[in-house]
Amino acid sequence: MQYAMDALRQYPKTERFVLAAETRASMYKIIELIIVANKKYTKKTTLQNLDIELDVLRVKVRLGMKAGFLPFRKYEILSKKLDEVGRLLGGWIRSENHK
């Protein structure tokens, strides 16, 4: 998340309070859902919501790159980090389904 925050600071002033703010809000929502999923006894719906929010974040980051606000190298690093989060989430979902 810290890397993404640094990348979002490079957005132009016109988009800093629109797309960058929505991307930041999506990251905060993901953190909130992770905490909620850790605390709940039945995690299935929360993990599904977390998966959906992760896809929304991926789309917002991709929009920032295609609009030219995010350099391709930073987009590449950020998308690799999001893929790693997705793999961890997929493993968490599979382990919950086996219970």
Protein backbone atom coordinates (compact mmCIF):
# COMPACT_ATOMS: atom_id res chain seq x y z
CA MET A 1 0.00 0.00 0.00
CA GLN A 2 2.89 2.32 0.70
CA TYR A 3 4.21 1.86 -2.84
CA ALA A 4 0.77 2.65 -4.24
CA MET A 5 0.50 5.79 -2.12
CA ASP A 6 3.82 7.03 -3.51
CA ALA A 7 2.65 6.28 -7.05
CA LEU A 8 -0.67 8.08 -6.50
CA ARG A 9 1.18 11.25 -5.48
CA GLN A 10 2.37 11.54 -9.10
CA TYR A 11 -1.17 11.97 -10.43
CA PRO A 12 -1.86 15.47 -11.75
CA LYS A 13 -3.74 17.85 -9.50
CA THR A 14 -6.93 17.48 -11.55
CA GLU A 15 -7.07 13.75 -10.89
CA ARG A 16 -5.58 13.70 -7.42
CA PHE A 17 -8.98 14.26 -5.84
CA VAL A 18 -10.92 12.02 -8.20
CA LEU A 19 -9.25 8.86 -9.49
CA ALA A 20 -6.39 8.91 -6.97
CA ALA A 21 -8.83 9.43 -4.09
CA GLU A 22 -11.05 6.59 -5.30
CA THR A 23 -8.05 4.30 -5.68
CA ARG A 24 -6.91 5.19 -2.17
CA ALA A 25 -10.42 4.56 -0.82
CA SER A 26 -10.45 1.17 -2.52
CA MET A 27 -7.17 0.26 -0.82
CA TYR A 28 -8.57 1.29 2.56
CA LYS A 29 -11.68 -0.80 1.88
CA ILE A 30 -9.46 -3.83 1.15
CA ILE A 31 -7.64 -3.36 4.46
CA GLU A 32 -10.97 -3.07 6.25
CA LEU A 33 -12.28 -6.26 4.62
CA ILE A 34 -9.11 -8.16 5.55
CA ILE A 35 -9.54 -7.17 9.19
CA VAL A 36 -13.23 -8.10 9.14
CA ALA A 37 -12.48 -11.47 7.51
CA ASN A 38 -9.87 -12.23 10.18
CA LYS A 39 -12.38 -11.59 12.95
CA LYS A 40 -15.42 -13.37 11.49
CA TYR A 41 -16.25 -17.01 12.10
CA THR A 42 -17.85 -17.47 8.66
CA LYS A 43 -15.62 -15.71 6.17
CA LYS A 44 -17.04 -16.74 2.80
CA THR A 45 -19.05 -13.63 1.91
CA THR A 46 -16.41 -11.27 3.27
CA LEU A 47 -13.72 -13.00 1.20
CA GLN A 48 -15.94 -12.72 -1.89
CA ASN A 49 -16.36 -8.99 -1.21
CA LEU A 50 -12.60 -8.72 -0.78
CA ASP A 51 -12.05 -10.44 -4.13
CA ILE A 52 -14.47 -8.04 -5.82
CA GLU A 53 -12.80 -4.99 -4.26
CA LEU A 54 -9.39 -6.25 -5.38
CA ASP A 55 -10.65 -6.44 -8.97
CA VAL A 56 -12.07 -2.92 -8.67
CA LEU A 57 -8.67 -1.70 -7.46
CA ARG A 58 -6.94 -3.40 -10.41
CA VAL A 59 -9.27 -1.62 -12.83
CA LYS A 60 -8.66 1.78 -11.20
CA VAL A 61 -4.89 1.31 -11.34
CA ARG A 62 -5.15 0.25 -14.99
CA LEU A 63 -7.26 3.34 -15.76
CA GLY A 64 -4.60 5.54 -14.18
CA MET A 65 -1.92 3.97 -16.34
CA LYS A 66 -3.92 4.18 -19.57
CA ALA A 67 -4.75 7.83 -18.88
CA GLY A 68 -1.04 8.53 -18.57
CA PHE A 69 -1.07 9.43 -14.88
CA LEU A 70 0.96 6.41 -13.81
CA PRO A 71 4.27 5.51 -15.51
CA PHE A 72 4.31 2.03 -17.02
CA ARG A 73 7.15 0.83 -14.76
CA LYS A 74 5.24 1.81 -11.61
CA TYR A 75 2.10 0.22 -13.05
CA GLU A 76 4.03 -2.98 -13.69
CA ILE A 77 5.38 -3.14 -10.14
CA LEU A 78 2.01 -2.26 -8.64
CA SER A 79 0.17 -4.85 -10.73
CA LYS A 80 2.68 -7.53 -9.63
CA LYS A 81 2.00 -6.61 -6.01
CA LEU A 82 -1.76 -6.78 -6.62
CA ASP A 83 -1.34 -10.18 -8.29
CA GLU A 84 0.51 -11.42 -5.21
CA VAL A 85 -2.35 -10.19 -3.00
CA GLY A 86 -4.75 -11.99 -5.34
CA ARG A 87 -2.80 -15.24 -5.01
CA LEU A 88 -2.80 -14.96 -1.23
CA LEU A 89 -6.53 -14.25 -1.27
CA GLY A 90 -7.17 -17.21 -3.57
CA GLY A 91 -5.33 -19.50 -1.17
CA TRP A 92 -7.33 -18.10 1.74
CA ILE A 93 -10.61 -18.71 -0.13
CA ARG A 94 -9.58 -22.28 -1.04
CA SER A 95 -8.63 -23.05 2.56
CA GLU A 96 -12.01 -21.74 3.76
CA ASN A 97 -13.86 -23.83 1.17
CA HIS A 98 -12.11 -27.00 2.34
CA LYS A 99 -13.25 -26.51 5.94
